[in-house]
């Protein structure tokens, strides 16, 4: 199910829509990295293509991370 979420990025509230599975994975990644979920979202936001929306950037980040993990021996 797609749900609306919100976060504060650079002092401004923003919202994004993500499926539960992507949100769960983002929480897991933040936990593995020992950082707050908001910090991870901010990091992704700062490095995303400016023409891409935040929801897409978050999904691509999760996908790329899972693909990289699958390629490790």
PDB file of N, CA and C in Angstrom:
ATOM      1  N   UNK A   1       0.841  -1.176   0.000  1.00  0.00           N
ATOM      2  CA  UNK A   1       0.000   0.000   0.000  1.00  0.00           C
ATOM      3  C   UNK A   1       0.886   1.239   0.000  1.00  0.00           C
ATOM      4  N   UNK A   2       0.528   2.211  -0.794  1.00  0.00           N
ATOM      5  CA  UNK A   2       1.253   3.484  -0.829  1.00  0.00           C
ATOM      6  C   UNK A   2       0.704   4.378   0.270  1.00  0.00           C
ATOM      7  N   UNK A   3       1.636   4.950   1.038  1.00  0.00           N
ATOM      8  CA  UNK A   3       1.240   5.859   2.121  1.00  0.00           C
ATOM      9  C   UNK A   3       1.985   7.182   1.972  1.00  0.00           C
ATOM     10  N   UNK A   4       1.358   8.227   2.456  1.00  0.00           N
ATOM     11  CA  UNK A   4       1.997   9.541   2.518  1.00  0.00           C
ATOM     12  C   UNK A   4       2.850   9.601   3.778  1.00  0.00           C
ATOM     13  N   UNK A   5       4.035  10.170   3.637  1.00  0.00           N
ATOM     14  CA  UNK A   5       4.950  10.369   4.755  1.00  0.00           C
ATOM     15  C   UNK A   5       5.430  11.811   4.686  1.00  0.00           C
ATOM     16  N   UNK A   6       5.956  12.292   5.782  1.00  0.00           N
ATOM     17  CA  UNK A   6       6.528  13.635   5.770  1.00  0.00           C
ATOM     18  C   UNK A   6       7.834  13.628   6.536  1.00  0.00           C
ATOM     19  N   UNK A   7       8.688  14.566   6.181  1.00  0.00           N
ATOM     20  CA  UNK A   7       9.984  14.713   6.834  1.00  0.00           C
ATOM     21  C   UNK A   7      10.384  16.178   6.751  1.00  0.00           C
ATOM     22  N   UNK A   8      11.271  16.561   7.629  1.00  0.00           N
ATOM     23  CA  UNK A   8      11.815  17.911   7.594  1.00  0.00           C
ATOM     24  C   UNK A   8      13.185  17.852   6.946  1.00  0.00           C
ATOM     25  N   UNK A   9      13.329  18.532   5.816  1.00  0.00           N
ATOM     26  CA  UNK A   9      14.588  18.578   5.080  1.00  0.00           C
ATOM     27  C   UNK A   9      15.035  20.028   4.998  1.00  0.00           C
ATOM     28  N   UNK A  10      16.192  20.291   5.552  1.00  0.00           N
ATOM     29  CA  UNK A  10      16.742  21.652   5.525  1.00  0.00           C
ATOM     30  C   UNK A  10      15.779  22.664   6.130  1.00  0.00           C
ATOM     31  N   UNK A  11      15.093  22.258   7.191  1.00  0.00           N
ATOM     32  CA  UNK A  11      14.192  23.149   7.900  1.00  0.00           C
ATOM     33  C   UNK A  11      12.807  23.297   7.294  1.00  0.00           C
ATOM     34  N   UNK A  12      12.519  22.570   6.235  1.00  0.00           N
ATOM     35  CA  UNK A  12      11.208  22.660   5.580  1.00  0.00           C
ATOM     36  C   UNK A  12      10.538  21.291   5.592  1.00  0.00           C
ATOM     37  N   UNK A  13       9.254  21.283   5.893  1.00  0.00           N
ATOM     38  CA  UNK A  13       8.486  20.034   5.846  1.00  0.00           C
ATOM     39  C   UNK A  13       8.209  19.687   4.392  1.00  0.00           C
ATOM     40  N   UNK A  14       8.378  18.436   4.076  1.00  0.00           N
ATOM     41  CA  UNK A  14       8.052  17.955   2.743  1.00  0.00           C
ATOM     42  C   UNK A  14       7.344  16.620   2.878  1.00  0.00           C
ATOM     43  N   UNK A  15       6.558  16.273   1.893  1.00  0.00           N
ATOM     44  CA  UNK A  15       5.862  14.995   1.941  1.00  0.00           C
ATOM     45  C   UNK A  15       6.245  14.173   0.724  1.00  0.00           C
ATOM     46  N   UNK A  16       6.122  12.873   0.875  1.00  0.00           N
ATOM     47  CA  UNK A  16       6.405  11.953  -0.207  1.00  0.00           C
ATOM     48  C   UNK A  16       5.523  10.735  -0.018  1.00  0.00           C
ATOM     49  N   UNK A  17       5.312  10.013  -1.089  1.00  0.00           N
ATOM     50  CA  UNK A  17       4.485   8.810  -1.051  1.00  0.00           C
ATOM     51  C   UNK A  17       5.352   7.608  -1.368  1.00  0.00           C
ATOM     52  N   UNK A  18       5.263   6.581  -0.510  1.00  0.00           N
ATOM     53  CA  UNK A  18       6.040   5.364  -0.713  1.00  0.00           C
ATOM     54  C   UNK A  18       5.235   4.152  -0.306  1.00  0.00           C
ATOM     55  N   UNK A  19       5.483   3.058  -0.990  1.00  0.00           N
ATOM     56  CA  UNK A  19       4.921   1.782  -0.593  1.00  0.00           C
ATOM     57  C   UNK A  19       5.558   1.363   0.734  1.00  0.00           C
ATOM     58  N   UNK A  20       4.816   0.601   1.511  1.00  0.00           N
ATOM     59  CA  UNK A  20       5.299   0.158   2.823  1.00  0.00           C
ATOM     60  C   UNK A  20       6.637  -0.568   2.725  1.00  0.00           C
ATOM     61  N   UNK A  21       6.811  -1.397   1.700  1.00  0.00           N
ATOM     62  CA  UNK A  21       8.047  -2.169   1.562  1.00  0.00           C
ATOM     63  C   UNK A  21       9.263  -1.256   1.401  1.00  0.00           C
ATOM     64  N   UNK A  22       9.125  -0.164   0.649  1.00  0.00           N
ATOM     65  CA  UNK A  22      10.236   0.766   0.492  1.00  0.00           C
ATOM     66  C   UNK A  22      10.513   1.501   1.802  1.00  0.00           C
ATOM     67  N   UNK A  23       9.467   1.892   2.496  1.00  0.00           N
ATOM     68  CA  UNK A  23       9.653   2.594   3.763  1.00  0.00           C
ATOM     69  C   UNK A  23      10.318   1.681   4.784  1.00  0.00           C
ATOM     70  N   UNK A  24       9.888   0.419   4.831  1.00  0.00           N
ATOM     71  CA  UNK A  24      10.506  -0.548   5.741  1.00  0.00           C
ATOM     72  C   UNK A  24      11.991  -0.711   5.437  1.00  0.00           C
ATOM     73  N   UNK A  25      12.312  -0.781   4.163  1.00  0.00           N
ATOM     74  CA  UNK A  25      13.716  -0.950   3.767  1.00  0.00           C
ATOM     75  C   UNK A  25      14.531   0.295   4.117  1.00  0.00           C
ATOM     76  N   UNK A  26      13.975   1.476   3.917  1.00  0.00           N
ATOM     77  CA  UNK A  26      14.685   2.700   4.304  1.00  0.00           C
ATOM     78  C   UNK A  26      14.957   2.719   5.806  1.00  0.00           C
ATOM     79  N   UNK A  27      13.987   2.311   6.602  1.00  0.00           N
ATOM     80  CA  UNK A  27      14.199   2.244   8.057  1.00  0.00           C
ATOM     81  C   UNK A  27      15.315   1.262   8.397  1.00  0.00           C
ATOM     82  N   UNK A  28      15.332   0.115   7.714  1.00  0.00           N
ATOM     83  CA  UNK A  28      16.368  -0.889   7.961  1.00  0.00           C
ATOM     84  C   UNK A  28      17.749  -0.356   7.577  1.00  0.00           C
ATOM     85  N   UNK A  29      17.832   0.321   6.452  1.00  0.00           N
ATOM     86  CA  UNK A  29      19.104   0.886   6.002  1.00  0.00           C
ATOM     87  C   UNK A  29      19.590   1.938   6.989  1.00  0.00           C
ATOM     88  N   UNK A  30      18.695   2.804   7.425  1.00  0.00           N
ATOM     89  CA  UNK A  30      19.072   3.829   8.410  1.00  0.00           C
ATOM     90  C   UNK A  30      19.592   3.153   9.683  1.00  0.00           C
ATOM     91  N   UNK A  31      18.913   2.108  10.120  1.00  0.00           N
ATOM     92  CA  UNK A  31      19.352   1.388  11.307  1.00  0.00           C
ATOM     93  C   UNK A  31      20.720   0.753  11.127  1.00  0.00           C
ATOM     94  N   UNK A  32      20.942   0.124   9.978  1.00  0.00           N
ATOM     95  CA  UNK A  32      22.244  -0.494   9.686  1.00  0.00           C
ATOM     96  C   UNK A  32      23.359   0.538   9.689  1.00  0.00           C
ATOM     97  N   UNK A  33      23.042   1.720   9.205  1.00  0.00           N
ATOM     98  CA  UNK A  33      24.047   2.789   9.130  1.00  0.00           C
ATOM     99  C   UNK A  33      24.140   3.589  10.426  1.00  0.00           C
ATOM    100  N   UNK A  34      23.292   3.269  11.388  1.00  0.00           N
ATOM    101  CA  UNK A  34      23.337   3.968  12.676  1.00  0.00           C
ATOM    102  C   UNK A  34      22.944   5.425  12.585  1.00  0.00           C
ATOM    103  N   UNK A  35      21.960   5.697  11.751  1.00  0.00           N
ATOM    104  CA  UNK A  35      21.536   7.083  11.577  1.00  0.00           C
ATOM    105  C   UNK A  35      20.019   7.168  11.649  1.00  0.00           C
ATOM    106  N   UNK A  36      19.540   8.357  11.894  1.00  0.00           N
ATOM    107  CA  UNK A  36      18.096   8.587  11.929  1.00  0.00           C
ATOM    108  C   UNK A  36      17.540   8.489  10.510  1.00  0.00           C
ATOM    109  N   UNK A  37      16.309   8.045  10.407  1.00  0.00           N
ATOM    110  CA  UNK A  37      15.651   7.956   9.102  1.00  0.00           C
ATOM    111  C   UNK A  37      15.640   9.314   8.412  1.00  0.00           C
ATOM    112  N   UNK A  38      15.369  10.365   9.152  1.00  0.00           N
ATOM    113  CA  UNK A  38      15.339  11.717   8.565  1.00  0.00           C
ATOM    114  C   UNK A  38      16.697  12.091   7.984  1.00  0.00           C
ATOM    115  N   UNK A  39      17.776  11.668   8.634  1.00  0.00           N
ATOM    116  CA  UNK A  39      19.115  11.963   8.126  1.00  0.00           C
ATOM    117  C   UNK A  39      19.371  11.223   6.811  1.00  0.00           C
ATOM    118  N   UNK A  40      18.925   9.978   6.732  1.00  0.00           N
ATOM    119  CA  UNK A  40      19.082   9.217   5.492  1.00  0.00           C
ATOM    120  C   UNK A  40      18.285   9.866   4.362  1.00  0.00           C
ATOM    121  N   UNK A  41      17.056  10.256   4.645  1.00  0.00           N
ATOM    122  CA  UNK A  41      16.220  10.890   3.622  1.00  0.00           C
ATOM    123  C   UNK A  41      16.858  12.204   3.167  1.00  0.00           C
ATOM    124  N   UNK A  42      17.407  12.954   4.094  1.00  0.00           N
ATOM    125  CA  UNK A  42      18.089  14.206   3.743  1.00  0.00           C
ATOM    126  C   UNK A  42      19.282  13.925   2.844  1.00  0.00           C
ATOM    127  N   UNK A  43      20.061  12.901   3.176  1.00  0.00           N
ATOM    128  CA  UNK A  43      21.223  12.527   2.362  1.00  0.00           C
ATOM    129  C   UNK A  43      20.795  12.162   0.936  1.00  0.00           C
ATOM    130  N   UNK A  44      19.754  11.378   0.813  1.00  0.00           N
ATOM    131  CA  UNK A  44      19.256  10.987  -0.506  1.00  0.00           C
ATOM    132  C   UNK A  44      18.759  12.209  -1.260  1.00  0.00           C
ATOM    133  N   UNK A  45      18.048  13.085  -0.570  1.00  0.00           N
ATOM    134  CA  UNK A  45      17.533  14.304  -1.186  1.00  0.00           C
ATOM    135  C   UNK A  45      18.662  15.174  -1.721  1.00  0.00           C
ATOM    136  N   UNK A  46      19.740  15.272  -0.967  1.00  0.00           N
ATOM    137  CA  UNK A  46      20.862  16.133  -1.365  1.00  0.00           C
ATOM    138  C   UNK A  46      21.614  15.598  -2.574  1.00  0.00           C
ATOM    139  N   UNK A  47      21.540  14.297  -2.819  1.00  0.00           N
ATOM    140  CA  UNK A  47      22.309  13.704  -3.918  1.00  0.00           C
ATOM    141  C   UNK A  47      21.444  13.316  -5.112  1.00  0.00           C
ATOM    142  N   UNK A  48      20.156  13.549  -5.021  1.00  0.00           N
ATOM    143  CA  UNK A  48      19.276  13.125  -6.124  1.00  0.00           C
ATOM    144  C   UNK A  48      19.370  14.072  -7.309  1.00  0.00           C
ATOM    145  N   UNK A  49      19.003  13.541  -8.455  1.00  0.00           N
ATOM    146  CA  UNK A  49      18.890  14.337  -9.671  1.00  0.00           C
ATOM    147  C   UNK A  49      17.824  15.405  -9.420  1.00  0.00           C
ATOM    148  N   UNK A  50      18.131  16.653  -9.661  1.00  0.00           N
ATOM    149  CA  UNK A  50      17.148  17.713  -9.380  1.00  0.00           C
ATOM    150  C   UNK A  50      15.866  17.611 -10.197  1.00  0.00           C
ATOM    151  N   UNK A  51      15.881  16.839 -11.260  1.00  0.00           N
ATOM    152  CA  UNK A  51      14.664  16.689 -12.057  1.00  0.00           C
ATOM    153  C   UNK A  51      13.784  15.542 -11.548  1.00  0.00           C
ATOM    154  N   UNK A  52      14.319  14.740 -10.612  1.00  0.00           N
ATOM    155  CA  UNK A  52      13.556  13.614 -10.063  1.00  0.00           C
ATOM    156  C   UNK A  52      12.846  14.048  -8.782  1.00  0.00           C
ATOM    157  N   UNK A  53      11.671  13.477  -8.546  1.00  0.00           N
ATOM    158  CA  UNK A  53      10.996  13.815  -7.297  1.00  0.00           C
ATOM    159  C   UNK A  53      11.554  12.950  -6.162  1.00  0.00           C
ATOM    160  N   UNK A  54      11.294  13.352  -4.948  1.00  0.00           N
ATOM    161  CA  UNK A  54      11.861  12.679  -3.793  1.00  0.00           C
ATOM    162  C   UNK A  54      11.395  11.234  -3.688  1.00  0.00           C
ATOM    163  N   UNK A  55      10.141  10.965  -3.941  1.00  0.00           N
ATOM    164  CA  UNK A  55       9.633   9.594  -3.859  1.00  0.00           C
ATOM    165  C   UNK A  55      10.400   8.675  -4.801  1.00  0.00           C
ATOM    166  N   UNK A  56      10.621   9.113  -6.016  1.00  0.00           N
ATOM    167  CA  UNK A  56      11.363   8.311  -6.987  1.00  0.00           C
ATOM    168  C   UNK A  56      12.807   8.125  -6.540  1.00  0.00           C
ATOM    169  N   UNK A  57      13.410   9.182  -6.029  1.00  0.00           N
ATOM    170  CA  UNK A  57      14.797   9.087  -5.571  1.00  0.00           C
ATOM    171  C   UNK A  57      14.932   8.086  -4.426  1.00  0.00           C
ATOM    172  N   UNK A  58      13.967   8.060  -3.530  1.00  0.00           N
ATOM    173  CA  UNK A  58      14.005   7.112  -2.414  1.00  0.00           C
ATOM    174  C   UNK A  58      13.872   5.678  -2.919  1.00  0.00           C
ATOM    175  N   UNK A  59      12.972   5.456  -3.855  1.00  0.00           N
ATOM    176  CA  UNK A  59      12.796   4.117  -4.419  1.00  0.00           C
ATOM    177  C   UNK A  59      14.066   3.656  -5.131  1.00  0.00           C
ATOM    178  N   UNK A  60      14.666   4.547  -5.923  1.00  0.00           N
ATOM    179  CA  UNK A  60      15.889   4.189  -6.649  1.00  0.00           C
ATOM    180  C   UNK A  60      17.045   3.908  -5.697  1.00  0.00           C
ATOM    181  N   UNK A  61      17.120   4.654  -4.616  1.00  0.00           N
ATOM    182  CA  UNK A  61      18.168   4.421  -3.625  1.00  0.00           C
ATOM    183  C   UNK A  61      18.040   3.009  -3.051  1.00  0.00           C
ATOM    184  N   UNK A  62      16.836   2.628  -2.669  1.00  0.00           N
ATOM    185  CA  UNK A  62      16.600   1.289  -2.119  1.00  0.00           C
ATOM    186  C   UNK A  62      16.928   0.234  -3.169  1.00  0.00           C
ATOM    187  N   UNK A  63      16.455   0.418  -4.383  1.00  0.00           N
ATOM    188  CA  UNK A  63      16.712  -0.542  -5.442  1.00  0.00           C
ATOM    189  C   UNK A  63      18.206  -0.712  -5.678  1.00  0.00           C
ATOM    190  N   UNK A  64      18.920   0.385  -5.804  1.00  0.00           N
ATOM    191  CA  UNK A  64      20.365   0.317  -6.045  1.00  0.00           C
ATOM    192  C   UNK A  64      21.105  -0.344  -4.893  1.00  0.00           C
ATOM    193  N   UNK A  65      20.680  -0.061  -3.691  1.00  0.00           N
ATOM    194  CA  UNK A  65      21.318  -0.674  -2.516  1.00  0.00           C
ATOM    195  C   UNK A  65      21.074  -2.188  -2.508  1.00  0.00           C
ATOM    196  N   UNK A  66      19.864  -2.614  -2.799  1.00  0.00           N
ATOM    197  CA  UNK A  66      19.558  -4.043  -2.829  1.00  0.00           C
ATOM    198  C   UNK A  66      20.283  -4.748  -3.978  1.00  0.00           C
ATOM    199  N   UNK A  67      20.386  -4.099  -5.131  1.00  0.00           N
ATOM    200  CA  UNK A  67      21.110  -4.690  -6.244  1.00  0.00           C
ATOM    201  C   UNK A  67      22.585  -4.849  -5.901  1.00  0.00           C
ATOM    202  N   UNK A  68      23.175  -3.845  -5.267  1.00  0.00           N
ATOM    203  CA  UNK A  68      24.590  -3.918  -4.877  1.00  0.00           C
ATOM    204  C   UNK A  68      24.805  -5.058  -3.872  1.00  0.00           C
ATOM    205  N   UNK A  69      23.893  -5.206  -2.938  1.00  0.00           N
ATOM    206  CA  UNK A  69      24.012  -6.273  -1.940  1.00  0.00           C
ATOM    207  C   UNK A  69      23.893  -7.644  -2.599  1.00  0.00           C
ATOM    208  N   UNK A  70      23.042  -7.764  -3.595  1.00  0.00           N
ATOM    209  CA  UNK A  70      22.846  -9.044  -4.287  1.00  0.00           C
ATOM    210  C   UNK A  70      24.075  -9.451  -5.099  1.00  0.00           C
ATOM    211  N   UNK A  71      24.879  -8.480  -5.503  1.00  0.00           N
ATOM    212  CA  UNK A  71      26.072  -8.761  -6.309  1.00  0.00           C
ATOM    213  C   UNK A  71      27.277  -9.129  -5.464  1.00  0.00           C
ATOM    214  N   UNK A  72      27.197  -8.878  -4.164  1.00  0.00           N
ATOM    215  CA  UNK A  72      28.327  -9.234  -3.291  1.00  0.00           C
ATOM    216  C   UNK A  72      28.395 -10.741  -3.121  1.00  0.00           C
ATOM    217  N   UNK A  73      29.617 -11.285  -3.084  1.00  0.00           N
ATOM    218  CA  UNK A  73      29.737 -12.744  -2.901  1.00  0.00           C
ATOM    219  C   UNK A  73      29.313 -13.218  -1.531  1.00  0.00           C
TER     220      UNK A  73
END
